[in-house]
Amino acid sequence: MTTQMTQATGAPDRDEAEASFGSGFSIPTTEIRDAVDTVARSVPDVARSSRTLMEDAMQGIERSSD
């Protein structure tokens, strides 16, 4: 794992840190953070849409003949 260390704390530099995967594949943490933020922002819209679809489906089932 290649990470830059800050001199003051010895902690990984947040902008330069990378997530490393076994085969040498790595992704900068800023890209991971941006992707997670994007998904987190879309969750309420997905949940709202899913709920609306389920309500519509249930209404259709209730209106249909037995």
C-alpha atoms as a PDB file:
ATOM      1  CA  MET A   1       0.000   0.000   0.000  1.00  0.00           C
ATOM      2  CA  THR A   2       1.475   3.301  -1.007  1.00  0.00           C
ATOM      3  CA  THR A   3       0.545   6.127   1.336  1.00  0.00           C
ATOM      4  CA  GLN A   4       2.110   9.466   2.051  1.00  0.00           C
ATOM      5  CA  MET A   5       2.747  10.145   5.728  1.00  0.00           C
ATOM      6  CA  THR A   6       2.464  13.576   7.265  1.00  0.00           C
ATOM      7  CA  GLN A   7       5.484  14.644   9.283  1.00  0.00           C
ATOM      8  CA  ALA A   8       3.528  16.056  12.237  1.00  0.00           C
ATOM      9  CA  THR A   9       1.228  13.124  13.021  1.00  0.00           C
ATOM     10  CA  GLY A  10       2.583  10.142  11.144  1.00  0.00           C
ATOM     11  CA  ALA A  11      -0.966   9.559   9.868  1.00  0.00           C
ATOM     12  CA  PRO A  12      -1.719   8.934   6.192  1.00  0.00           C
ATOM     13  CA  ASP A  13      -2.306  12.093   4.179  1.00  0.00           C
ATOM     14  CA  ARG A  14      -6.041  11.942   3.346  1.00  0.00           C
ATOM     15  CA  ASP A  15      -5.612  13.318  -0.166  1.00  0.00           C
ATOM     16  CA  GLU A  16      -2.727  11.052  -1.116  1.00  0.00           C
ATOM     17  CA  ALA A  17      -3.760   7.798   0.594  1.00  0.00           C
ATOM     18  CA  GLU A  18      -4.792   4.908  -1.605  1.00  0.00           C
ATOM     19  CA  ALA A  19      -6.777   1.755  -1.023  1.00  0.00           C
ATOM     20  CA  SER A  20      -4.673  -1.128  -2.270  1.00  0.00           C
ATOM     21  CA  PHE A  21      -6.032  -4.447  -3.456  1.00  0.00           C
ATOM     22  CA  GLY A  22      -4.049  -7.686  -3.595  1.00  0.00           C
ATOM     23  CA  SER A  23      -3.068  -7.600  -7.270  1.00  0.00           C
ATOM     24  CA  GLY A  24      -1.465  -4.162  -7.151  1.00  0.00           C
ATOM     25  CA  PHE A  25      -4.706  -2.404  -8.075  1.00  0.00           C
ATOM     26  CA  SER A  26      -5.183   0.774  -6.052  1.00  0.00           C
ATOM     27  CA  ILE A  27      -7.736   3.575  -5.899  1.00  0.00           C
ATOM     28  CA  PRO A  28      -7.081   6.988  -4.329  1.00  0.00           C
ATOM     29  CA  THR A  29      -9.217   7.418  -1.221  1.00  0.00           C
ATOM     30  CA  THR A  30     -10.612  10.677  -2.578  1.00  0.00           C
ATOM     31  CA  GLU A  31     -12.240   8.723  -5.411  1.00  0.00           C
ATOM     32  CA  ILE A  32     -13.661   6.197  -2.962  1.00  0.00           C
ATOM     33  CA  ARG A  33     -14.970   8.982  -0.726  1.00  0.00           C
ATOM     34  CA  ASP A  34     -16.586  10.762  -3.701  1.00  0.00           C
ATOM     35  CA  ALA A  35     -18.275   7.543  -4.844  1.00  0.00           C
ATOM     36  CA  VAL A  36     -19.619   6.822  -1.353  1.00  0.00           C
ATOM     37  CA  ASP A  37     -20.891  10.399  -1.038  1.00  0.00           C
ATOM     38  CA  THR A  38     -22.684  10.098  -4.387  1.00  0.00           C
ATOM     39  CA  VAL A  39     -24.358   6.836  -3.360  1.00  0.00           C
ATOM     40  CA  ALA A  40     -25.311   8.241   0.049  1.00  0.00           C
ATOM     41  CA  ARG A  41     -26.963  11.258  -1.562  1.00  0.00           C
ATOM     42  CA  SER A  42     -29.020   9.059  -3.903  1.00  0.00           C
ATOM     43  CA  VAL A  43     -30.323   6.632  -1.234  1.00  0.00           C
ATOM     44  CA  PRO A  44     -33.329   8.780  -0.188  1.00  0.00           C
ATOM     45  CA  ASP A  45     -34.450   9.141  -3.822  1.00  0.00           C
ATOM     46  CA  VAL A  46     -34.111   5.402  -4.442  1.00  0.00           C
ATOM     47  CA  ALA A  47     -36.043   4.587  -1.261  1.00  0.00           C
ATOM     48  CA  ARG A  48     -38.791   7.071  -2.157  1.00  0.00           C
ATOM     49  CA  SER A  49     -39.101   5.650  -5.682  1.00  0.00           C
ATOM     50  CA  SER A  50     -39.156   2.083  -4.389  1.00  0.00           C
ATOM     51  CA  ARG A  51     -41.856   2.919  -1.876  1.00  0.00           C
ATOM     52  CA  THR A  52     -43.977   4.573  -4.568  1.00  0.00           C
ATOM     53  CA  LEU A  53     -43.595   1.540  -6.852  1.00  0.00           C
ATOM     54  CA  MET A  54     -44.568  -0.836  -4.046  1.00  0.00           C
ATOM     55  CA  GLU A  55     -47.612   1.282  -3.113  1.00  0.00           C
ATOM     56  CA  ASP A  56     -48.722   1.311  -6.755  1.00  0.00           C
ATOM     57  CA  ALA A  57     -48.238  -2.459  -7.008  1.00  0.00           C
ATOM     58  CA  MET A  58     -50.223  -3.071  -3.821  1.00  0.00           C
ATOM     59  CA  GLN A  59     -53.063  -0.846  -5.035  1.00  0.00           C
ATOM     60  CA  GLY A  60     -53.131  -2.772  -8.306  1.00  0.00           C
ATOM     61  CA  ILE A  61     -53.274  -6.069  -6.446  1.00  0.00           C
ATOM     62  CA  GLU A  62     -56.057  -4.834  -4.157  1.00  0.00           C
ATOM     63  CA  ARG A  63     -58.119  -3.569  -7.135  1.00  0.00           C
ATOM     64  CA  SER A  64     -57.733  -6.750  -9.139  1.00  0.00           C
ATOM     65  CA  SER A  65     -60.296  -9.517  -9.003  1.00  0.00           C
ATOM     66  CA  ASP A  66     -59.751 -12.502  -6.765  1.00  0.00           C
END
